[in-house]
Amino acid sequence: MIEINTKISTPKYQQIVFSIEKAITQGELKKGDQIPSINAIKEKHNLSRDTVFMAFNDLKSRGVIQSVVGKGYYVTSENIKIKQKVFLLFDELNSFKEDLYSAFINNLNSHIEVDIYFHHFNLNVFKNVIKNNIGNYNHYVIMPANLDRTSETLQKLPEDKVYVLDQMPKDLQHYSGIYQNFAKDIYTNLEKAVALIKKYRKLLLIFSPDKQPVDMKEGFIKFCKKYNIPYSILDAMQDKTPEKGELYIVPEDKQLLQIIKKMKSKQYKLAEDIGIISYNDTLLKEIVEGGITTISTDFTAMGKRLAEMIQNNENQHIENPNRLILRHSL
């Protein structure tokens, strides 16, 4: 099955790859079949173990073969046209993450395949899903959210193959990636609307410490102190009833709906009695209650730029654009 020609310039590890690809194309190998072992190929063709291992890693990173502990290597895909595989780890799926994902997929070349995973803000899930996929991909795109000590897990991956997305903690800043500057974004966007904000007697940030970046809270406090605006930071809305003259900054859509529901039960008018600024723009927020003001990054731009970085093997830090969209709720 393995053909090695010492009289040609093609590297021997590539000849091993081509041989296995040829066997799959011709039907000699099918999905689920075992391939010759590293030692068997090494000894039969008088090759170094590293040469054979390099070939196997190439096929493994593209998803063509997979190792089974104690048994050997098996064919897992007959699609040999896939030249690169990308590991994509999101914190959670929502409407704006869908925009990011769609833009990313739509701007990748057809020979690149993407597998998506979710950690749901659970550190153990984060660790295990990465650990179980070390060496299986050409690139690793990681959305660490605000999980602690993620650097300990990421250091097990090749640094030049890792891209950090959305939040960029200080201990991950040596990795390439596209990030939001949460402290600057909330401060500068609130500053743009300071005249409208001052019409309310109090500014409240609903901040879930297990999900939101601490930089967002720091930028919020900095703004309130500079402009001498009374403020509070709430963990959730369950026990809080909105009061007239309050302006809420709401990072999560579920919290947005809770505020609107409670506001209606008190027969308060949006903007006039209760103000709302939501995070991350969606089509729904253009329509609900005549329009919800948002602070939003461009997730479509983030996905498109990420695709370009991976295809061009770029290694850099990119701050994603962010803007305030004024609507009826303020």
C-alpha atoms as a PDB file:
ATOM      1  CA  MET A   1       0.000   0.000   0.000  1.00  0.00           C
ATOM      2  CA  ILE A   2       2.807   2.453   0.844  1.00  0.00           C
ATOM      3  CA  GLU A   3       5.068   3.367  -2.063  1.00  0.00           C
ATOM      4  CA  ILE A   4       8.401   5.132  -1.438  1.00  0.00           C
ATOM      5  CA  ASN A   5      10.602   6.228  -4.341  1.00  0.00           C
ATOM      6  CA  THR A   6      14.058   7.367  -3.226  1.00  0.00           C
ATOM      7  CA  LYS A   7      14.928   8.717  -6.690  1.00  0.00           C
ATOM      8  CA  ILE A   8      12.412  11.599  -6.670  1.00  0.00           C
ATOM      9  CA  SER A   9      12.565  14.911  -4.786  1.00  0.00           C
ATOM     10  CA  THR A  10       9.137  14.572  -3.092  1.00  0.00           C
ATOM     11  CA  PRO A  11       9.700  14.302   0.686  1.00  0.00           C
ATOM     12  CA  LYS A  12       9.187  10.781   1.986  1.00  0.00           C
ATOM     13  CA  TYR A  13       6.497  11.813   4.462  1.00  0.00           C
ATOM     14  CA  GLN A  14       4.487  13.289   1.569  1.00  0.00           C
ATOM     15  CA  GLN A  15       4.881  10.049  -0.373  1.00  0.00           C
ATOM     16  CA  ILE A  16       3.330   8.205   2.578  1.00  0.00           C
ATOM     17  CA  VAL A  17       0.437  10.702   2.595  1.00  0.00           C
ATOM     18  CA  PHE A  18      -0.068  10.347  -1.168  1.00  0.00           C
ATOM     19  CA  SER A  19       0.009   6.544  -0.885  1.00  0.00           C
ATOM     20  CA  ILE A  20      -2.741   6.456   1.726  1.00  0.00           C
ATOM     21  CA  GLU A  21      -4.796   9.034  -0.184  1.00  0.00           C
ATOM     22  CA  LYS A  22      -4.409   6.918  -3.342  1.00  0.00           C
ATOM     23  CA  ALA A  23      -5.536   3.788  -1.482  1.00  0.00           C
ATOM     24  CA  ILE A  24      -8.652   5.645  -0.276  1.00  0.00           C
ATOM     25  CA  THR A  25      -9.403   7.034  -3.743  1.00  0.00           C
ATOM     26  CA  GLN A  26      -9.058   3.588  -5.366  1.00  0.00           C
ATOM     27  CA  GLY A  27     -11.231   1.932  -2.720  1.00  0.00           C
ATOM     28  CA  GLU A  28      -8.455  -0.137  -1.158  1.00  0.00           C
ATOM     29  CA  LEU A  29      -9.083   1.715   2.108  1.00  0.00           C
ATOM     30  CA  LYS A  30     -12.545   2.629   3.326  1.00  0.00           C
ATOM     31  CA  LYS A  31     -13.869   4.439   6.379  1.00  0.00           C
ATOM     32  CA  GLY A  32     -13.236   2.272   9.443  1.00  0.00           C
ATOM     33  CA  ASP A  33     -10.328   0.340   7.924  1.00  0.00           C
ATOM     34  CA  GLN A  34      -7.058   0.090   9.829  1.00  0.00           C
ATOM     35  CA  ILE A  35      -3.904   1.372   8.125  1.00  0.00           C
ATOM     36  CA  PRO A  36      -0.379  -0.034   8.561  1.00  0.00           C
ATOM     37  CA  SER A  37       1.290   0.966  11.822  1.00  0.00           C
ATOM     38  CA  ILE A  38       4.051   3.540  12.162  1.00  0.00           C
ATOM     39  CA  ASN A  39       6.560   0.807  13.039  1.00  0.00           C
ATOM     40  CA  ALA A  40       5.519  -1.409  10.123  1.00  0.00           C
ATOM     41  CA  ILE A  41       6.013   1.411   7.591  1.00  0.00           C
ATOM     42  CA  LYS A  42       9.249   2.522   9.261  1.00  0.00           C
ATOM     43  CA  GLU A  43      10.824  -0.928   9.167  1.00  0.00           C
ATOM     44  CA  LYS A  44       9.640  -1.964   5.700  1.00  0.00           C
ATOM     45  CA  HIS A  45      10.911   1.222   4.010  1.00  0.00           C
ATOM     46  CA  ASN A  46      13.882   1.924   6.284  1.00  0.00           C
ATOM     47  CA  LEU A  47      12.522   5.294   7.391  1.00  0.00           C
ATOM     48  CA  SER A  48      12.830   7.262  10.630  1.00  0.00           C
ATOM     49  CA  ARG A  49       9.896   7.162  13.014  1.00  0.00           C
ATOM     50  CA  ASP A  50       9.631  10.975  12.774  1.00  0.00           C
ATOM     51  CA  THR A  51       9.103  10.791   8.991  1.00  0.00           C
ATOM     52  CA  VAL A  52       6.190   8.369   9.312  1.00  0.00           C
ATOM     53  CA  PHE A  53       4.785  10.269  12.301  1.00  0.00           C
ATOM     54  CA  MET A  54       4.836  13.523  10.289  1.00  0.00           C
ATOM     55  CA  ALA A  55       2.766  11.881   7.549  1.00  0.00           C
ATOM     56  CA  PHE A  56       0.282  10.484  10.060  1.00  0.00           C
ATOM     57  CA  ASN A  57      -0.041  13.892  11.753  1.00  0.00           C
ATOM     58  CA  ASP A  58      -0.834  15.500   8.389  1.00  0.00           C
ATOM     59  CA  LEU A  59      -3.627  13.006   7.721  1.00  0.00           C
ATOM     60  CA  LYS A  60      -4.838  13.198  11.325  1.00  0.00           C
ATOM     61  CA  SER A  61      -5.053  17.020  11.367  1.00  0.00           C
ATOM     62  CA  ARG A  62      -7.217  16.880   8.226  1.00  0.00           C
ATOM     63  CA  GLY A  63      -9.557  14.315   9.754  1.00  0.00           C
ATOM     64  CA  VAL A  64      -8.616  11.546   7.289  1.00  0.00           C
ATOM     65  CA  ILE A  65      -7.302   9.166   9.969  1.00  0.00           C
ATOM     66  CA  GLN A  66      -7.620   8.915  13.738  1.00  0.00           C
ATOM     67  CA  SER A  67      -5.689   7.010  16.382  1.00  0.00           C
ATOM     68  CA  VAL A  68      -7.336   4.531  18.738  1.00  0.00           C
ATOM     69  CA  VAL A  69      -5.342   3.991  21.919  1.00  0.00           C
ATOM     70  CA  GLY A  70      -3.801   0.528  22.041  1.00  0.00           C
ATOM     71  CA  LYS A  71      -5.072  -0.439  18.593  1.00  0.00           C
ATOM     72  CA  GLY A  72      -3.564   1.815  15.927  1.00  0.00           C
ATOM     73  CA  TYR A  73      -4.745   4.204  13.224  1.00  0.00           C
ATOM     74  CA  TYR A  74      -8.028   3.985  11.325  1.00  0.00           C
ATOM     75  CA  VAL A  75      -9.587   5.792   8.363  1.00  0.00           C
ATOM     76  CA  THR A  76     -12.239   8.227   9.632  1.00  0.00           C
ATOM     77  CA  SER A  77     -13.021  10.089   6.396  1.00  0.00           C
ATOM     78  CA  GLU A  78     -12.755   9.316   2.679  1.00  0.00           C
ATOM     79  CA  ASN A  79     -12.788  13.033   1.830  1.00  0.00           C
ATOM     80  CA  ILE A  80      -9.099  13.590   1.037  1.00  0.00           C
ATOM     81  CA  LYS A  81      -9.810  16.972  -0.569  1.00  0.00           C
ATOM     82  CA  ILE A  82      -9.936  18.589   2.869  1.00  0.00           C
ATOM     83  CA  LYS A  83      -6.515  20.200   3.281  1.00  0.00           C
ATOM     84  CA  GLN A  84      -7.075  21.995   6.587  1.00  0.00           C
ATOM     85  CA  LYS A  85      -9.337  21.498   9.592  1.00  0.00           C
ATOM     86  CA  VAL A  86     -10.287  24.237  12.057  1.00  0.00           C
ATOM     87  CA  PHE A  87     -11.313  23.678  15.678  1.00  0.00           C
ATOM     88  CA  LEU A  88     -13.812  26.384  16.725  1.00  0.00           C
ATOM     89  CA  LEU A  89     -14.715  26.637  20.423  1.00  0.00           C
ATOM     90  CA  PHE A  90     -17.530  29.079  21.313  1.00  0.00           C
ATOM     91  CA  ASP A  91     -18.815  29.889  24.789  1.00  0.00           C
ATOM     92  CA  GLU A  92     -22.470  29.613  23.696  1.00  0.00           C
ATOM     93  CA  LEU A  93     -24.658  29.952  20.617  1.00  0.00           C
ATOM     94  CA  ASN A  94     -26.940  32.963  20.174  1.00  0.00           C
ATOM     95  CA  SER A  95     -28.148  35.076  17.263  1.00  0.00           C
ATOM     96  CA  PHE A  96     -25.038  37.269  16.966  1.00  0.00           C
ATOM     97  CA  LYS A  97     -22.686  34.278  17.345  1.00  0.00           C
ATOM     98  CA  GLU A  98     -24.598  32.740  14.444  1.00  0.00           C
ATOM     99  CA  ASP A  99     -23.744  35.857  12.408  1.00  0.00           C
ATOM    100  CA  LEU A 100     -20.082  35.445  13.353  1.00  0.00           C
ATOM    101  CA  TYR A 101     -20.097  31.739  12.468  1.00  0.00           C
ATOM    102  CA  SER A 102     -21.888  32.269   9.132  1.00  0.00           C
ATOM    103  CA  ALA A 103     -19.476  35.025   8.091  1.00  0.00           C
ATOM    104  CA  PHE A 104     -16.514  32.840   9.061  1.00  0.00           C
ATOM    105  CA  ILE A 105     -17.741  29.784   7.128  1.00  0.00           C
ATOM    106  CA  ASN A 106     -18.828  31.771   4.065  1.00  0.00           C
ATOM    107  CA  ASN A 107     -15.403  33.407   3.716  1.00  0.00           C
ATOM    108  CA  LEU A 108     -13.312  30.230   3.999  1.00  0.00           C
ATOM    109  CA  ASN A 109     -12.033  28.288   1.015  1.00  0.00           C
ATOM    110  CA  SER A 110     -13.931  25.094   0.255  1.00  0.00           C
ATOM    111  CA  HIS A 111     -10.923  22.909   1.176  1.00  0.00           C
ATOM    112  CA  ILE A 112     -11.090  24.076   4.810  1.00  0.00           C
ATOM    113  CA  GLU A 113     -13.423  22.214   7.172  1.00  0.00           C
ATOM    114  CA  VAL A 114     -14.659  23.588  10.514  1.00  0.00           C
ATOM    115  CA  ASP A 115     -15.856  21.669  13.580  1.00  0.00           C
ATOM    116  CA  ILE A 116     -17.671  23.748  16.208  1.00  0.00           C
ATOM    117  CA  TYR A 117     -17.784  23.047  19.949  1.00  0.00           C
ATOM    118  CA  PHE A 118     -19.263  24.860  22.986  1.00  0.00           C
ATOM    119  CA  HIS A 119     -18.013  25.117  26.583  1.00  0.00           C
ATOM    120  CA  HIS A 120     -21.043  26.986  28.055  1.00  0.00           C
ATOM    121  CA  PHE A 121     -18.787  28.869  30.522  1.00  0.00           C
ATOM    122  CA  ASN A 122     -17.750  25.585  32.171  1.00  0.00           C
ATOM    123  CA  LEU A 123     -13.989  25.361  32.776  1.00  0.00           C
ATOM    124  CA  ASN A 124     -13.937  21.543  32.911  1.00  0.00           C
ATOM    125  CA  VAL A 125     -15.744  21.302  29.590  1.00  0.00           C
ATOM    126  CA  PHE A 126     -13.314  23.880  28.175  1.00  0.00           C
ATOM    127  CA  LYS A 127     -10.302  21.844  29.316  1.00  0.00           C
ATOM    128  CA  ASN A 128     -11.618  18.468  28.199  1.00  0.00           C
ATOM    129  CA  VAL A 129     -12.795  19.444  24.734  1.00  0.00           C
ATOM    130  CA  ILE A 130      -9.387  20.984  23.966  1.00  0.00           C
ATOM    131  CA  LYS A 131      -7.451  18.100  25.547  1.00  0.00           C
ATOM    132  CA  ASN A 132      -9.397  15.556  23.483  1.00  0.00           C
ATOM    133  CA  ASN A 133      -8.591  17.377  20.236  1.00  0.00           C
ATOM    134  CA  ILE A 134      -4.886  18.149  20.582  1.00  0.00           C
ATOM    135  CA  GLY A 135      -3.202  17.359  17.285  1.00  0.00           C
ATOM    136  CA  ASN A 136      -6.459  16.815  15.401  1.00  0.00           C
ATOM    137  CA  TYR A 137      -6.603  20.257  13.740  1.00  0.00           C
ATOM    138  CA  ASN A 138      -4.486  22.701  11.757  1.00  0.00           C
ATOM    139  CA  HIS A 139      -5.894  25.756  13.580  1.00  0.00           C
ATOM    140  CA  TYR A 140      -7.619  26.307  16.923  1.00  0.00           C
ATOM    141  CA  VAL A 141     -10.033  29.230  17.354  1.00  0.00           C
ATOM    142  CA  ILE A 142     -10.844  29.713  21.047  1.00  0.00           C
ATOM    143  CA  MET A 143     -13.450  31.929  22.683  1.00  0.00           C
ATOM    144  CA  PRO A 144     -12.274  31.796  26.325  1.00  0.00           C
ATOM    145  CA  ALA A 145     -15.004  34.115  27.684  1.00  0.00           C
ATOM    146  CA  ASN A 146     -14.037  35.048  31.257  1.00  0.00           C
ATOM    147  CA  LEU A 147     -12.950  31.595  32.407  1.00  0.00           C
ATOM    148  CA  ASP A 148      -9.947  31.602  34.762  1.00  0.00           C
ATOM    149  CA  ARG A 149      -6.543  30.094  33.961  1.00  0.00           C
ATOM    150  CA  THR A 150      -7.352  29.139  30.379  1.00  0.00           C
ATOM    151  CA  SER A 151      -3.702  29.771  29.493  1.00  0.00           C
ATOM    152  CA  GLU A 152      -2.759  26.520  31.270  1.00  0.00           C
ATOM    153  CA  THR A 153      -4.889  24.591  28.786  1.00  0.00           C
ATOM    154  CA  LEU A 154      -3.994  26.582  25.678  1.00  0.00           C
ATOM    155  CA  GLN A 155      -0.257  26.210  26.243  1.00  0.00           C
ATOM    156  CA  LYS A 156      -0.673  22.533  25.289  1.00  0.00           C
ATOM    157  CA  LEU A 157      -1.488  23.687  21.732  1.00  0.00           C
ATOM    158  CA  PRO A 158       1.038  25.060  19.169  1.00  0.00           C
ATOM    159  CA  GLU A 159       1.067  28.819  19.830  1.00  0.00           C
ATOM    160  CA  ASP A 160       1.145  29.756  16.138  1.00  0.00           C
ATOM    161  CA  LYS A 161      -1.994  27.675  15.504  1.00  0.00           C
ATOM    162  CA  VAL A 162      -4.163  29.371  18.152  1.00  0.00           C
ATOM    163  CA  TYR A 163      -6.505  32.333  17.581  1.00  0.00           C
ATOM    164  CA  VAL A 164      -8.279  33.932  20.560  1.00  0.00           C
ATOM    165  CA  LEU A 165     -11.700  35.402  19.864  1.00  0.00           C
ATOM    166  CA  ASP A 166     -13.852  38.110  21.509  1.00  0.00           C
ATOM    167  CA  GLN A 167     -12.313  38.407  25.010  1.00  0.00           C
ATOM    168  CA  MET A 168      -8.521  38.729  25.229  1.00  0.00           C
ATOM    169  CA  PRO A 169      -7.340  38.241  28.856  1.00  0.00           C
ATOM    170  CA  LYS A 170      -3.868  39.519  29.696  1.00  0.00           C
ATOM    171  CA  ASP A 171      -2.403  36.021  30.015  1.00  0.00           C
ATOM    172  CA  LEU A 172      -3.521  35.208  26.448  1.00  0.00           C
ATOM    173  CA  GLN A 173      -2.281  38.359  24.738  1.00  0.00           C
ATOM    174  CA  HIS A 174       0.716  36.568  23.205  1.00  0.00           C
ATOM    175  CA  TYR A 175      -1.742  34.690  20.960  1.00  0.00           C
ATOM    176  CA  SER A 176      -3.121  36.070  17.700  1.00  0.00           C
ATOM    177  CA  GLY A 177      -6.794  36.955  17.623  1.00  0.00           C
ATOM    178  CA  ILE A 178      -9.675  39.373  17.186  1.00  0.00           C
ATOM    179  CA  TYR A 179     -11.027  40.956  20.334  1.00  0.00           C
ATOM    180  CA  GLN A 180     -13.407  43.517  21.778  1.00  0.00           C
ATOM    181  CA  ASN A 181     -12.018  46.276  23.988  1.00  0.00           C
ATOM    182  CA  PHE A 182     -14.887  46.122  26.481  1.00  0.00           C
ATOM    183  CA  ALA A 183     -13.676  48.859  28.838  1.00  0.00           C
ATOM    184  CA  LYS A 184     -13.083  51.372  26.056  1.00  0.00           C
ATOM    185  CA  ASP A 185     -16.199  50.411  24.089  1.00  0.00           C
ATOM    186  CA  ILE A 186     -18.703  50.904  26.896  1.00  0.00           C
ATOM    187  CA  TYR A 187     -17.014  54.118  28.055  1.00  0.00           C
ATOM    188  CA  THR A 188     -16.800  55.805  24.646  1.00  0.00           C
ATOM    189  CA  ASN A 189     -20.274  54.746  23.535  1.00  0.00           C
ATOM    190  CA  LEU A 190     -21.927  55.937  26.749  1.00  0.00           C
ATOM    191  CA  GLU A 191     -20.011  59.180  26.367  1.00  0.00           C
ATOM    192  CA  LYS A 192     -21.611  59.691  22.939  1.00  0.00           C
ATOM    193  CA  ALA A 193     -25.047  59.566  24.569  1.00  0.00           C
ATOM    194  CA  VAL A 194     -24.216  61.383  27.827  1.00  0.00           C
ATOM    195  CA  ALA A 195     -26.785  64.139  27.198  1.00  0.00           C
ATOM    196  CA  LEU A 196     -29.583  61.566  26.912  1.00  0.00           C
ATOM    197  CA  ILE A 197     -28.257  59.487  29.813  1.00  0.00           C
ATOM    198  CA  LYS A 198     -28.302  62.493  32.162  1.00  0.00           C
ATOM    199  CA  LYS A 199     -32.079  62.760  31.728  1.00  0.00           C
ATOM    200  CA  TYR A 200     -32.368  59.708  33.971  1.00  0.00           C
ATOM    201  CA  ARG A 201     -31.753  59.772  37.701  1.00  0.00           C
ATOM    202  CA  LYS A 202     -29.779  56.524  37.880  1.00  0.00           C
ATOM    203  CA  LEU A 203     -27.774  54.238  35.584  1.00  0.00           C
ATOM    204  CA  LEU A 204     -27.814  50.481  36.260  1.00  0.00           C
ATOM    205  CA  LEU A 205     -25.600  47.776  34.733  1.00  0.00           C
ATOM    206  CA  ILE A 206     -26.860  44.192  34.860  1.00  0.00           C
ATOM    207  CA  PHE A 207     -23.601  42.300  35.162  1.00  0.00           C
ATOM    208  CA  SER A 208     -23.284  38.509  35.367  1.00  0.00           C
ATOM    209  CA  PRO A 209     -19.735  37.888  36.670  1.00  0.00           C
ATOM    210  CA  ASP A 210     -19.730  34.333  35.319  1.00  0.00           C
ATOM    211  CA  LYS A 211     -20.319  35.563  31.749  1.00  0.00           C
ATOM    212  CA  GLN A 212     -19.484  39.229  31.278  1.00  0.00           C
ATOM    213  CA  PRO A 213     -15.904  40.540  31.058  1.00  0.00           C
ATOM    214  CA  VAL A 214     -14.723  42.472  34.101  1.00  0.00           C
ATOM    215  CA  ASP A 215     -13.446  45.196  31.744  1.00  0.00           C
ATOM    216  CA  MET A 216     -17.047  46.069  30.887  1.00  0.00           C
ATOM    217  CA  LYS A 217     -17.783  46.820  34.547  1.00  0.00           C
ATOM    218  CA  GLU A 218     -14.591  48.874  34.891  1.00  0.00           C
ATOM    219  CA  GLY A 219     -15.444  51.010  31.850  1.00  0.00           C
ATOM    220  CA  PHE A 220     -18.985  51.531  33.164  1.00  0.00           C
ATOM    221  CA  ILE A 221     -17.775  52.702  36.597  1.00  0.00           C
ATOM    222  CA  LYS A 222     -15.198  55.010  35.011  1.00  0.00           C
ATOM    223  CA  PHE A 223     -17.914  56.689  32.910  1.00  0.00           C
ATOM    224  CA  CYS A 224     -20.326  57.128  35.837  1.00  0.00           C
ATOM    225  CA  LYS A 225     -17.641  58.638  38.063  1.00  0.00           C
ATOM    226  CA  LYS A 226     -16.376  61.035  35.410  1.00  0.00           C
ATOM    227  CA  TYR A 227     -19.860  62.430  34.703  1.00  0.00           C
ATOM    228  CA  ASN A 228     -21.031  62.188  38.318  1.00  0.00           C
ATOM    229  CA  ILE A 229     -23.945  59.868  37.468  1.00  0.00           C
ATOM    230  CA  PRO A 230     -25.493  57.752  40.260  1.00  0.00           C
ATOM    231  CA  TYR A 231     -25.127  54.072  39.416  1.00  0.00           C
ATOM    232  CA  SER A 232     -25.638  50.499  40.591  1.00  0.00           C
ATOM    233  CA  ILE A 233     -24.410  47.102  39.398  1.00  0.00           C
ATOM    234  CA  LEU A 234     -26.877  44.209  39.587  1.00  0.00           C
ATOM    235  CA  ASP A 235     -26.159  40.489  39.261  1.00  0.00           C
ATOM    236  CA  ALA A 236     -29.624  39.743  37.869  1.00  0.00           C
ATOM    237  CA  MET A 237     -33.133  41.169  37.532  1.00  0.00           C
ATOM    238  CA  GLN A 238     -35.166  38.497  39.351  1.00  0.00           C
ATOM    239  CA  ASP A 239     -35.657  40.497  42.566  1.00  0.00           C
ATOM    240  CA  LYS A 240     -35.475  43.988  41.085  1.00  0.00           C
ATOM    241  CA  THR A 241     -38.529  45.943  39.994  1.00  0.00           C
ATOM    242  CA  PRO A 242     -37.751  48.822  37.628  1.00  0.00           C
ATOM    243  CA  GLU A 243     -38.462  52.278  39.011  1.00  0.00           C
ATOM    244  CA  LYS A 244     -39.187  55.485  37.137  1.00  0.00           C
ATOM    245  CA  GLY A 245     -36.114  57.389  36.084  1.00  0.00           C
ATOM    246  CA  GLU A 246     -33.838  54.350  35.809  1.00  0.00           C
ATOM    247  CA  LEU A 247     -31.709  53.555  32.765  1.00  0.00           C
ATOM    248  CA  TYR A 248     -30.590  49.939  32.348  1.00  0.00           C
ATOM    249  CA  ILE A 249     -27.573  48.615  30.440  1.00  0.00           C
ATOM    250  CA  VAL A 250     -28.379  45.010  29.555  1.00  0.00           C
ATOM    251  CA  PRO A 251     -25.743  42.628  28.139  1.00  0.00           C
ATOM    252  CA  GLU A 252     -28.048  39.570  27.799  1.00  0.00           C
ATOM    253  CA  ASP A 253     -31.254  39.250  25.787  1.00  0.00           C
ATOM    254  CA  LYS A 254     -33.051  37.262  28.499  1.00  0.00           C
ATOM    255  CA  GLN A 255     -32.500  40.119  30.935  1.00  0.00           C
ATOM    256  CA  LEU A 256     -33.776  42.566  28.311  1.00  0.00           C
ATOM    257  CA  LEU A 257     -37.069  40.680  28.050  1.00  0.00           C
ATOM    258  CA  GLN A 258     -37.366  40.519  31.857  1.00  0.00           C
ATOM    259  CA  ILE A 259     -37.041  44.307  32.126  1.00  0.00           C
ATOM    260  CA  ILE A 260     -39.592  44.948  29.369  1.00  0.00           C
ATOM    261  CA  LYS A 261     -42.027  42.490  30.963  1.00  0.00           C
ATOM    262  CA  LYS A 262     -41.713  44.094  34.416  1.00  0.00           C
ATOM    263  CA  MET A 263     -41.921  47.579  32.933  1.00  0.00           C
ATOM    264  CA  LYS A 264     -45.197  46.692  31.209  1.00  0.00           C
ATOM    265  CA  SER A 265     -46.625  45.205  34.408  1.00  0.00           C
ATOM    266  CA  LYS A 266     -46.073  48.612  36.045  1.00  0.00           C
ATOM    267  CA  GLN A 267     -47.509  50.375  32.969  1.00  0.00           C
ATOM    268  CA  TYR A 268     -44.284  52.327  32.529  1.00  0.00           C
ATOM    269  CA  LYS A 269     -43.430  53.833  29.151  1.00  0.00           C
ATOM    270  CA  LEU A 270     -40.159  52.920  27.500  1.00  0.00           C
ATOM    271  CA  ALA A 271     -37.689  55.817  27.245  1.00  0.00           C
ATOM    272  CA  GLU A 272     -40.020  58.183  29.110  1.00  0.00           C
ATOM    273  CA  ASP A 273     -40.111  56.232  32.411  1.00  0.00           C
ATOM    274  CA  ILE A 274     -37.475  53.536  31.910  1.00  0.00           C
ATOM    275  CA  GLY A 275     -34.487  53.696  29.576  1.00  0.00           C
ATOM    276  CA  ILE A 276     -32.720  50.679  28.067  1.00  0.00           C
ATOM    277  CA  ILE A 277     -29.375  50.149  26.330  1.00  0.00           C
ATOM    278  CA  SER A 278     -28.851  46.584  25.154  1.00  0.00           C
ATOM    279  CA  TYR A 279     -25.659  44.817  24.073  1.00  0.00           C
ATOM    280  CA  ASN A 280     -25.156  43.236  20.633  1.00  0.00           C
ATOM    281  CA  ASP A 281     -27.499  44.342  17.894  1.00  0.00           C
ATOM    282  CA  THR A 282     -30.012  41.993  16.235  1.00  0.00           C
ATOM    283  CA  LEU A 283     -32.881  42.414  13.810  1.00  0.00           C
ATOM    284  CA  LEU A 284     -35.295  41.872  16.688  1.00  0.00           C
ATOM    285  CA  LYS A 285     -33.913  44.912  18.549  1.00  0.00           C
ATOM    286  CA  GLU A 286     -34.648  47.106  15.553  1.00  0.00           C
ATOM    287  CA  ILE A 287     -38.336  46.217  15.923  1.00  0.00           C
ATOM    288  CA  VAL A 288     -39.157  45.481  19.593  1.00  0.00           C
ATOM    289  CA  GLU A 289     -40.890  48.385  21.370  1.00  0.00           C
ATOM    290  CA  GLY A 290     -40.129  50.717  18.484  1.00  0.00           C
ATOM    291  CA  GLY A 291     -36.412  49.926  18.643  1.00  0.00           C
ATOM    292  CA  ILE A 292     -33.847  49.190  21.369  1.00  0.00           C
ATOM    293  CA  THR A 293     -30.645  51.248  21.617  1.00  0.00           C
ATOM    294  CA  THR A 294     -27.601  48.993  21.408  1.00  0.00           C
ATOM    295  CA  ILE A 295     -23.860  48.958  21.963  1.00  0.00           C
ATOM    296  CA  SER A 296     -22.637  46.420  19.453  1.00  0.00           C
ATOM    297  CA  THR A 297     -19.543  45.047  17.848  1.00  0.00           C
ATOM    298  CA  ASP A 298     -19.667  43.890  14.212  1.00  0.00           C
ATOM    299  CA  PHE A 299     -19.749  40.105  14.475  1.00  0.00           C
ATOM    300  CA  THR A 300     -19.989  39.687  10.713  1.00  0.00           C
ATOM    301  CA  ALA A 301     -16.772  41.685  10.311  1.00  0.00           C
ATOM    302  CA  MET A 302     -15.176  39.569  13.045  1.00  0.00           C
ATOM    303  CA  GLY A 303     -16.027  36.315  11.258  1.00  0.00           C
ATOM    304  CA  LYS A 304     -14.846  37.566   7.871  1.00  0.00           C
ATOM    305  CA  ARG A 305     -11.537  38.865   9.244  1.00  0.00           C
ATOM    306  CA  LEU A 306     -10.947  35.627  11.158  1.00  0.00           C
ATOM    307  CA  ALA A 307     -11.313  33.639   7.916  1.00  0.00           C
ATOM    308  CA  GLU A 308      -8.742  35.893   6.245  1.00  0.00           C
ATOM    309  CA  MET A 309      -6.283  35.478   9.128  1.00  0.00           C
ATOM    310  CA  ILE A 310      -6.456  31.690   9.020  1.00  0.00           C
ATOM    311  CA  GLN A 311      -6.168  31.432   5.242  1.00  0.00           C
ATOM    312  CA  ASN A 312      -3.218  33.839   5.156  1.00  0.00           C
ATOM    313  CA  ASN A 313      -1.554  32.446   8.315  1.00  0.00           C
ATOM    314  CA  GLU A 314      -1.580  35.937   9.829  1.00  0.00           C
ATOM    315  CA  ASN A 315      -0.361  36.381  13.392  1.00  0.00           C
ATOM    316  CA  GLN A 316      -1.578  39.663  14.867  1.00  0.00           C
ATOM    317  CA  HIS A 317      -4.007  41.345  17.282  1.00  0.00           C
ATOM    318  CA  ILE A 318      -7.067  43.016  15.795  1.00  0.00           C
ATOM    319  CA  GLU A 319      -9.515  45.146  17.765  1.00  0.00           C
ATOM    320  CA  ASN A 320     -12.981  44.639  16.322  1.00  0.00           C
ATOM    321  CA  PRO A 321     -15.064  47.779  15.571  1.00  0.00           C
ATOM    322  CA  ASN A 322     -17.837  48.738  17.992  1.00  0.00           C
ATOM    323  CA  ARG A 323     -20.587  51.369  17.810  1.00  0.00           C
ATOM    324  CA  LEU A 324     -23.631  52.884  19.517  1.00  0.00           C
ATOM    325  CA  ILE A 325     -26.943  52.564  17.655  1.00  0.00           C
ATOM    326  CA  LEU A 326     -29.477  55.049  19.020  1.00  0.00           C
ATOM    327  CA  ARG A 327     -33.146  54.016  18.955  1.00  0.00           C
ATOM    328  CA  HIS A 328     -36.421  54.666  20.746  1.00  0.00           C
ATOM    329  CA  SER A 329     -35.472  53.066  24.102  1.00  0.00           C
ATOM    330  CA  LEU A 330     -33.184  55.936  25.135  1.00  0.00           C
END
